[in-house]
Amino acid sequence: MLKPLTTTPTVVEPETSESEGDHDRFAHYARKSDILKSAVSGKPVIALCGKVWVPSRDPDRYTVCPTCKEIFERKKEAESGG
């Protein structure tokens, strides 16, 4: 009688591809009014750093874009007379 063949389990890893912008995982600064309009219209907004995107993720899950943060702090300092 033949002995049954043993098999090892196979792990199937799904193929993934990065969609446009997946390499950039930062929370960006944009005008609140633009973000609200985007939520209604689905149109993209422009961040302080120049990134154009449609906000759809929770920004609290990501670190703040260093360029946006720097621009925001400089604007705040200039407005306060510093």
PDB file of N, CA and C in Angstrom:
ATOM      1  N   MET A   1       0.837  -1.170   0.000  1.00  0.00           N
ATOM      2  CA  MET A   1       0.000   0.000   0.000  1.00  0.00           C
ATOM      3  C   MET A   1       0.889   1.243   0.000  1.00  0.00           C
ATOM      4  N   LEU A   2       0.468   2.239  -0.765  1.00  0.00           N
ATOM      5  CA  LEU A   2       1.251   3.467  -0.857  1.00  0.00           C
ATOM      6  C   LEU A   2       0.939   4.393   0.305  1.00  0.00           C
ATOM      7  N   LYS A   3       1.961   5.023   0.745  1.00  0.00           N
ATOM      8  CA  LYS A   3       1.822   5.998   1.828  1.00  0.00           C
ATOM      9  C   LYS A   3       1.320   7.315   1.231  1.00  0.00           C
ATOM     10  N   PRO A   4       0.318   7.976   1.856  1.00  0.00           N
ATOM     11  CA  PRO A   4      -0.184   9.238   1.304  1.00  0.00           C
ATOM     12  C   PRO A   4       0.896  10.323   1.323  1.00  0.00           C
ATOM     13  N   LEU A   5       0.855  11.151   0.317  1.00  0.00           N
ATOM     14  CA  LEU A   5       1.799  12.265   0.250  1.00  0.00           C
ATOM     15  C   LEU A   5       1.406  13.324   1.264  1.00  0.00           C
ATOM     16  N   THR A   6       2.378  13.884   1.893  1.00  0.00           N
ATOM     17  CA  THR A   6       2.091  14.978   2.820  1.00  0.00           C
ATOM     18  C   THR A   6       2.307  16.288   2.093  1.00  0.00           C
ATOM     19  N   THR A   7       1.521  17.232   2.437  1.00  0.00           N
ATOM     20  CA  THR A   7       1.664  18.545   1.814  1.00  0.00           C
ATOM     21  C   THR A   7       1.866  19.592   2.890  1.00  0.00           C
ATOM     22  N   THR A   8       2.504  20.638   2.507  1.00  0.00           N
ATOM     23  CA  THR A   8       2.667  21.760   3.428  1.00  0.00           C
ATOM     24  C   THR A   8       1.645  22.819   3.071  1.00  0.00           C
ATOM     25  N   PRO A   9       1.179  23.539   4.067  1.00  0.00           N
ATOM     26  CA  PRO A   9       0.190  24.577   3.762  1.00  0.00           C
ATOM     27  C   PRO A   9       0.804  25.668   2.882  1.00  0.00           C
ATOM     28  N   THR A  10      -0.003  26.214   2.030  1.00  0.00           N
ATOM     29  CA  THR A  10       0.428  27.288   1.143  1.00  0.00           C
ATOM     30  C   THR A  10      -0.145  28.601   1.639  1.00  0.00           C
ATOM     31  N   VAL A  11       0.701  29.581   1.760  1.00  0.00           N
ATOM     32  CA  VAL A  11       0.262  30.910   2.156  1.00  0.00           C
ATOM     33  C   VAL A  11       0.123  31.736   0.885  1.00  0.00           C
ATOM     34  N   VAL A  12      -1.068  32.226   0.670  1.00  0.00           N
ATOM     35  CA  VAL A  12      -1.315  33.043  -0.514  1.00  0.00           C
ATOM     36  C   VAL A  12      -1.262  34.501  -0.097  1.00  0.00           C
ATOM     37  N   GLU A  13      -0.310  35.225  -0.650  1.00  0.00           N
ATOM     38  CA  GLU A  13      -0.196  36.649  -0.358  1.00  0.00           C
ATOM     39  C   GLU A  13      -0.777  37.419  -1.527  1.00  0.00           C
ATOM     40  N   PRO A  14      -1.777  38.239  -1.252  1.00  0.00           N
ATOM     41  CA  PRO A  14      -2.382  38.986  -2.357  1.00  0.00           C
ATOM     42  C   PRO A  14      -1.398  39.988  -2.947  1.00  0.00           C
ATOM     43  N   GLU A  15      -1.506  40.172  -4.242  1.00  0.00           N
ATOM     44  CA  GLU A  15      -0.684  41.187  -4.894  1.00  0.00           C
ATOM     45  C   GLU A  15      -1.245  42.553  -4.544  1.00  0.00           C
ATOM     46  N   THR A  16      -0.372  43.431  -4.195  1.00  0.00           N
ATOM     47  CA  THR A  16      -0.816  44.786  -3.883  1.00  0.00           C
ATOM     48  C   THR A  16      -0.093  45.757  -4.792  1.00  0.00           C
ATOM     49  N   SER A  17      -0.756  46.819  -5.086  1.00  0.00           N
ATOM     50  CA  SER A  17      -0.112  47.868  -5.864  1.00  0.00           C
ATOM     51  C   SER A  17      -0.429  49.193  -5.205  1.00  0.00           C
ATOM     52  N   GLU A  18       0.530  50.062  -5.263  1.00  0.00           N
ATOM     53  CA  GLU A  18       0.321  51.377  -4.672  1.00  0.00           C
ATOM     54  C   GLU A  18      -0.479  52.234  -5.628  1.00  0.00           C
ATOM     55  N   SER A  19      -1.566  52.782  -5.104  1.00  0.00           N
ATOM     56  CA  SER A  19      -2.307  53.727  -5.922  1.00  0.00           C
ATOM     57  C   SER A  19      -1.646  55.087  -5.779  1.00  0.00           C
ATOM     58  N   GLU A  20      -1.999  55.988  -6.642  1.00  0.00           N
ATOM     59  CA  GLU A  20      -1.387  57.306  -6.657  1.00  0.00           C
ATOM     60  C   GLU A  20      -1.492  57.956  -5.284  1.00  0.00           C
ATOM     61  N   GLY A  21      -0.364  58.338  -4.718  1.00  0.00           N
ATOM     62  CA  GLY A  21      -0.367  59.018  -3.434  1.00  0.00           C
ATOM     63  C   GLY A  21      -0.147  58.110  -2.244  1.00  0.00           C
ATOM     64  N   ASP A  22      -0.104  56.791  -2.440  1.00  0.00           N
ATOM     65  CA  ASP A  22       0.100  55.891  -1.315  1.00  0.00           C
ATOM     66  C   ASP A  22       1.473  56.059  -0.680  1.00  0.00           C
ATOM     67  N   HIS A  23       2.431  56.561  -1.432  1.00  0.00           N
ATOM     68  CA  HIS A  23       3.766  56.744  -0.883  1.00  0.00           C
ATOM     69  C   HIS A  23       3.794  57.917   0.098  1.00  0.00           C
ATOM     70  N   ASP A  24       2.797  58.771   0.048  1.00  0.00           N
ATOM     71  CA  ASP A  24       2.759  59.976   0.869  1.00  0.00           C
ATOM     72  C   ASP A  24       1.738  59.787   1.978  1.00  0.00           C
ATOM     73  N   ARG A  25       2.196  59.407   3.135  1.00  0.00           N
ATOM     74  CA  ARG A  25       1.290  59.156   4.252  1.00  0.00           C
ATOM     75  C   ARG A  25       1.442  60.233   5.320  1.00  0.00           C
ATOM     76  N   PHE A  26       1.092  61.444   4.951  1.00  0.00           N
ATOM     77  CA  PHE A  26       1.128  62.563   5.883  1.00  0.00           C
ATOM     78  C   PHE A  26      -0.253  63.182   5.988  1.00  0.00           C
ATOM     79  N   ALA A  27      -0.498  63.833   7.112  1.00  0.00           N
ATOM     80  CA  ALA A  27      -1.674  64.685   7.259  1.00  0.00           C
ATOM     81  C   ALA A  27      -1.245  66.070   6.788  1.00  0.00           C
ATOM     82  N   HIS A  28      -2.008  66.651   5.894  1.00  0.00           N
ATOM     83  CA  HIS A  28      -1.647  67.944   5.315  1.00  0.00           C
ATOM     84  C   HIS A  28      -2.556  69.046   5.840  1.00  0.00           C
ATOM     85  N   TYR A  29      -2.039  70.277   5.821  1.00  0.00           N
ATOM     86  CA  TYR A  29      -2.826  71.441   6.209  1.00  0.00           C
ATOM     87  C   TYR A  29      -3.455  72.058   4.964  1.00  0.00           C
ATOM     88  N   ALA A  30      -4.747  72.345   5.068  1.00  0.00           N
ATOM     89  CA  ALA A  30      -5.475  73.038   4.005  1.00  0.00           C
ATOM     90  C   ALA A  30      -6.542  73.891   4.675  1.00  0.00           C
ATOM     91  N   ARG A  31      -7.112  74.831   3.928  1.00  0.00           N
ATOM     92  CA  ARG A  31      -8.175  75.676   4.485  1.00  0.00           C
ATOM     93  C   ARG A  31      -9.358  74.808   4.892  1.00  0.00           C
ATOM     94  N   LYS A  32      -9.879  75.096   6.077  1.00  0.00           N
ATOM     95  CA  LYS A  32     -11.021  74.340   6.581  1.00  0.00           C
ATOM     96  C   LYS A  32     -12.205  74.434   5.622  1.00  0.00           C
ATOM     97  N   SER A  33     -12.432  75.626   5.074  1.00  0.00           N
ATOM     98  CA  SER A  33     -13.555  75.801   4.147  1.00  0.00           C
ATOM     99  C   SER A  33     -13.372  74.947   2.890  1.00  0.00           C
ATOM    100  N   ASP A  34     -12.124  74.809   2.424  1.00  0.00           N
ATOM    101  CA  ASP A  34     -11.863  73.973   1.248  1.00  0.00           C
ATOM    102  C   ASP A  34     -12.111  72.496   1.553  1.00  0.00           C
ATOM    103  N   ILE A  35     -11.754  72.078   2.764  1.00  0.00           N
ATOM    104  CA  ILE A  35     -11.970  70.682   3.158  1.00  0.00           C
ATOM    105  C   ILE A  35     -13.462  70.386   3.245  1.00  0.00           C
ATOM    106  N   LEU A  36     -14.225  71.333   3.796  1.00  0.00           N
ATOM    107  CA  LEU A  36     -15.678  71.143   3.883  1.00  0.00           C
ATOM    108  C   LEU A  36     -16.306  71.080   2.488  1.00  0.00           C
ATOM    109  N   LYS A  37     -15.870  71.967   1.593  1.00  0.00           N
ATOM    110  CA  LYS A  37     -16.378  71.943   0.213  1.00  0.00           C
ATOM    111  C   LYS A  37     -16.035  70.618  -0.466  1.00  0.00           C
ATOM    112  N   SER A  38     -14.840  70.127  -0.211  1.00  0.00           N
ATOM    113  CA  SER A  38     -14.409  68.870  -0.807  1.00  0.00           C
ATOM    114  C   SER A  38     -15.252  67.703  -0.309  1.00  0.00           C
ATOM    115  N   ALA A  39     -15.622  67.747   0.966  1.00  0.00           N
ATOM    116  CA  ALA A  39     -16.453  66.678   1.530  1.00  0.00           C
ATOM    117  C   ALA A  39     -17.801  66.606   0.829  1.00  0.00           C
ATOM    118  N   VAL A  40     -18.314  67.762   0.412  1.00  0.00           N
ATOM    119  CA  VAL A  40     -19.615  67.815  -0.258  1.00  0.00           C
ATOM    120  C   VAL A  40     -19.479  67.518  -1.755  1.00  0.00           C
ATOM    121  N   SER A  41     -18.489  68.144  -2.391  1.00  0.00           N
ATOM    122  CA  SER A  41     -18.376  68.068  -3.853  1.00  0.00           C
ATOM    123  C   SER A  41     -17.482  66.938  -4.357  1.00  0.00           C
ATOM    124  N   GLY A  42     -16.553  66.492  -3.503  1.00  0.00           N
ATOM    125  CA  GLY A  42     -15.598  65.476  -3.944  1.00  0.00           C
ATOM    126  C   GLY A  42     -14.441  66.045  -4.738  1.00  0.00           C
ATOM    127  N   LYS A  43     -14.383  67.380  -4.825  1.00  0.00           N
ATOM    128  CA  LYS A  43     -13.298  68.020  -5.571  1.00  0.00           C
ATOM    129  C   LYS A  43     -12.044  68.079  -4.698  1.00  0.00           C
ATOM    130  N   PRO A  44     -10.870  68.030  -5.315  1.00  0.00           N
ATOM    131  CA  PRO A  44      -9.627  68.051  -4.542  1.00  0.00           C
ATOM    132  C   PRO A  44      -9.341  69.410  -3.908  1.00  0.00           C
ATOM    133  N   VAL A  45      -8.526  69.370  -2.861  1.00  0.00           N
ATOM    134  CA  VAL A  45      -8.061  70.585  -2.191  1.00  0.00           C
ATOM    135  C   VAL A  45      -6.553  70.694  -2.404  1.00  0.00           C
ATOM    136  N   ILE A  46      -6.026  71.884  -2.132  1.00  0.00           N
ATOM    137  CA  ILE A  46      -4.586  72.108  -2.246  1.00  0.00           C
ATOM    138  C   ILE A  46      -4.045  72.396  -0.855  1.00  0.00           C
ATOM    139  N   ALA A  47      -3.092  71.575  -0.422  1.00  0.00           N
ATOM    140  CA  ALA A  47      -2.465  71.755   0.888  1.00  0.00           C
ATOM    141  C   ALA A  47      -1.467  72.906   0.829  1.00  0.00           C
ATOM    142  N   LEU A  48      -1.039  73.357   1.993  1.00  0.00           N
ATOM    143  CA  LEU A  48      -0.046  74.436   2.052  1.00  0.00           C
ATOM    144  C   LEU A  48       1.230  74.069   1.301  1.00  0.00           C
ATOM    145  N   CYS A  49       1.581  72.788   1.308  1.00  0.00           N
ATOM    146  CA  CYS A  49       2.808  72.344   0.639  1.00  0.00           C
ATOM    147  C   CYS A  49       2.636  72.203  -0.865  1.00  0.00           C
ATOM    148  N   GLY A  50       1.390  72.316  -1.347  1.00  0.00           N
ATOM    149  CA  GLY A  50       1.130  72.198  -2.774  1.00  0.00           C
ATOM    150  C   GLY A  50       0.525  70.870  -3.192  1.00  0.00           C
ATOM    151  N   LYS A  51       0.446  69.911  -2.290  1.00  0.00           N
ATOM    152  CA  LYS A  51      -0.157  68.617  -2.635  1.00  0.00           C
ATOM    153  C   LYS A  51      -1.634  68.814  -2.942  1.00  0.00           C
ATOM    154  N   VAL A  52      -2.086  68.191  -4.009  1.00  0.00           N
ATOM    155  CA  VAL A  52      -3.490  68.250  -4.412  1.00  0.00           C
ATOM    156  C   VAL A  52      -4.081  66.866  -4.168  1.00  0.00           C
ATOM    157  N   TRP A  53      -5.156  66.804  -3.383  1.00  0.00           N
ATOM    158  CA  TRP A  53      -5.765  65.515  -3.067  1.00  0.00           C
ATOM    159  C   TRP A  53      -7.190  65.700  -2.588  1.00  0.00           C
ATOM    160  N   VAL A  54      -7.934  64.610  -2.562  1.00  0.00           N
ATOM    161  CA  VAL A  54      -9.289  64.612  -2.020  1.00  0.00           C
ATOM    162  C   VAL A  54      -9.197  63.980  -0.637  1.00  0.00           C
ATOM    163  N   PRO A  55      -9.415  64.760   0.423  1.00  0.00           N
ATOM    164  CA  PRO A  55      -9.318  64.204   1.774  1.00  0.00           C
ATOM    165  C   PRO A  55     -10.342  63.091   1.976  1.00  0.00           C
ATOM    166  N   SER A  56      -9.863  61.942   2.450  1.00  0.00           N
ATOM    167  CA  SER A  56     -10.779  60.825   2.679  1.00  0.00           C
ATOM    168  C   SER A  56     -10.385  59.979   3.881  1.00  0.00           C
ATOM    169  N   ARG A  57      -9.243  60.254   4.465  1.00  0.00           N
ATOM    170  CA  ARG A  57      -8.774  59.451   5.596  1.00  0.00           C
ATOM    171  C   ARG A  57      -8.702  60.299   6.856  1.00  0.00           C
ATOM    172  N   ASP A  58      -8.671  59.624   7.988  1.00  0.00           N
ATOM    173  CA  ASP A  58      -8.573  60.293   9.283  1.00  0.00           C
ATOM    174  C   ASP A  58      -7.163  60.861   9.441  1.00  0.00           C
ATOM    175  N   PRO A  59      -7.000  62.187   9.441  1.00  0.00           N
ATOM    176  CA  PRO A  59      -5.661  62.771   9.516  1.00  0.00           C
ATOM    177  C   PRO A  59      -4.961  62.506  10.845  1.00  0.00           C
ATOM    178  N   ASP A  60      -5.721  62.171  11.887  1.00  0.00           N
ATOM    179  CA  ASP A  60      -5.108  61.897  13.189  1.00  0.00           C
ATOM    180  C   ASP A  60      -4.255  60.631  13.173  1.00  0.00           C
ATOM    181  N   ARG A  61      -4.410  59.811  12.161  1.00  0.00           N
ATOM    182  CA  ARG A  61      -3.645  58.565  12.070  1.00  0.00           C
ATOM    183  C   ARG A  61      -2.264  58.763  11.446  1.00  0.00           C
ATOM    184  N   TYR A  62      -1.977  59.967  10.967  1.00  0.00           N
ATOM    185  CA  TYR A  62      -0.732  60.214  10.246  1.00  0.00           C
ATOM    186  C   TYR A  62       0.029  61.370  10.877  1.00  0.00           C
ATOM    187  N   THR A  63       1.327  61.380  10.653  1.00  0.00           N
ATOM    188  CA  THR A  63       2.126  62.506  11.122  1.00  0.00           C
ATOM    189  C   THR A  63       1.886  63.691  10.187  1.00  0.00           C
ATOM    190  N   VAL A  64       2.075  64.874  10.720  1.00  0.00           N
ATOM    191  CA  VAL A  64       1.841  66.089   9.935  1.00  0.00           C
ATOM    192  C   VAL A  64       2.967  66.264   8.923  1.00  0.00           C
ATOM    193  N   CYS A  65       2.596  66.657   7.735  1.00  0.00           N
ATOM    194  CA  CYS A  65       3.560  66.930   6.670  1.00  0.00           C
ATOM    195  C   CYS A  65       4.538  67.995   7.164  1.00  0.00           C
ATOM    196  N   PRO A  66       5.837  67.725   7.147  1.00  0.00           N
ATOM    197  CA  PRO A  66       6.806  68.702   7.653  1.00  0.00           C
ATOM    198  C   PRO A  66       6.770  70.027   6.898  1.00  0.00           C
ATOM    199  N   THR A  67       6.540  69.995   5.605  1.00  0.00           N
ATOM    200  CA  THR A  67       6.491  71.225   4.813  1.00  0.00           C
ATOM    201  C   THR A  67       5.263  72.045   5.179  1.00  0.00           C
ATOM    202  N   CYS A  68       4.104  71.390   5.283  1.00  0.00           N
ATOM    203  CA  CYS A  68       2.879  72.097   5.688  1.00  0.00           C
ATOM    204  C   CYS A  68       3.061  72.724   7.068  1.00  0.00           C
ATOM    205  N   LYS A  69       3.644  71.959   7.981  1.00  0.00           N
ATOM    206  CA  LYS A  69       3.827  72.440   9.353  1.00  0.00           C
ATOM    207  C   LYS A  69       4.726  73.672   9.376  1.00  0.00           C
ATOM    208  N   GLU A  70       5.813  73.627   8.627  1.00  0.00           N
ATOM    209  CA  GLU A  70       6.742  74.761   8.580  1.00  0.00           C
ATOM    210  C   GLU A  70       6.060  76.003   8.009  1.00  0.00           C
ATOM    211  N   ILE A  71       5.329  75.845   6.919  1.00  0.00           N
ATOM    212  CA  ILE A  71       4.629  76.977   6.300  1.00  0.00           C
ATOM    213  C   ILE A  71       3.586  77.538   7.253  1.00  0.00           C
ATOM    214  N   PHE A  72       2.826  76.665   7.905  1.00  0.00           N
ATOM    215  CA  PHE A  72       1.790  77.094   8.842  1.00  0.00           C
ATOM    216  C   PHE A  72       2.399  77.884  10.002  1.00  0.00           C
ATOM    217  N   GLU A  73       3.497  77.383  10.557  1.00  0.00           N
ATOM    218  CA  GLU A  73       4.143  78.072  11.681  1.00  0.00           C
ATOM    219  C   GLU A  73       4.694  79.428  11.263  1.00  0.00           C
ATOM    220  N   ARG A  74       5.256  79.522  10.053  1.00  0.00           N
ATOM    221  CA  ARG A  74       5.756  80.818   9.572  1.00  0.00           C
ATOM    222  C   ARG A  74       4.614  81.809   9.368  1.00  0.00           C
ATOM    223  N   LYS A  75       3.483  81.337   8.826  1.00  0.00           N
ATOM    224  CA  LYS A  75       2.315  82.211   8.634  1.00  0.00           C
ATOM    225  C   LYS A  75       1.792  82.699   9.977  1.00  0.00           C
ATOM    226  N   LYS A  76       1.702  81.792  10.937  1.00  0.00           N
ATOM    227  CA  LYS A  76       1.198  82.137  12.263  1.00  0.00           C
ATOM    228  C   LYS A  76       2.112  83.170  12.932  1.00  0.00           C
ATOM    229  N   GLU A  77       3.412  82.967  12.790  1.00  0.00           N
ATOM    230  CA  GLU A  77       4.391  83.893  13.365  1.00  0.00           C
ATOM    231  C   GLU A  77       4.285  85.268  12.708  1.00  0.00           C
ATOM    232  N   ALA A  78       4.132  85.306  11.397  1.00  0.00           N
ATOM    233  CA  ALA A  78       4.019  86.576  10.669  1.00  0.00           C
ATOM    234  C   ALA A  78       2.739  87.316  11.052  1.00  0.00           C
ATOM    235  N   GLU A  79       1.649  86.579  11.237  1.00  0.00           N
ATOM    236  CA  GLU A  79       0.379  87.201  11.610  1.00  0.00           C
ATOM    237  C   GLU A  79       0.397  87.748  13.028  1.00  0.00           C
ATOM    238  N   SER A  80       1.214  87.138  13.893  1.00  0.00           N
ATOM    239  CA  SER A  80       1.278  87.608  15.277  1.00  0.00           C
ATOM    240  C   SER A  80       2.302  88.731  15.442  1.00  0.00           C
ATOM    241  N   GLY A  81       2.974  89.076  14.356  1.00  0.00           N
ATOM    242  CA  GLY A  81       3.930  90.179  14.403  1.00  0.00           C
ATOM    243  C   GLY A  81       5.308  89.750  14.850  1.00  0.00           C
ATOM    244  N   GLY A  82       5.572  88.453  14.859  1.00  0.00           N
ATOM    245  CA  GLY A  82       6.843  87.913  15.331  1.00  0.00           C
ATOM    246  C   GLY A  82       7.865  87.880  14.325  1.00  0.00           C
TER     247      GLY A  82
END
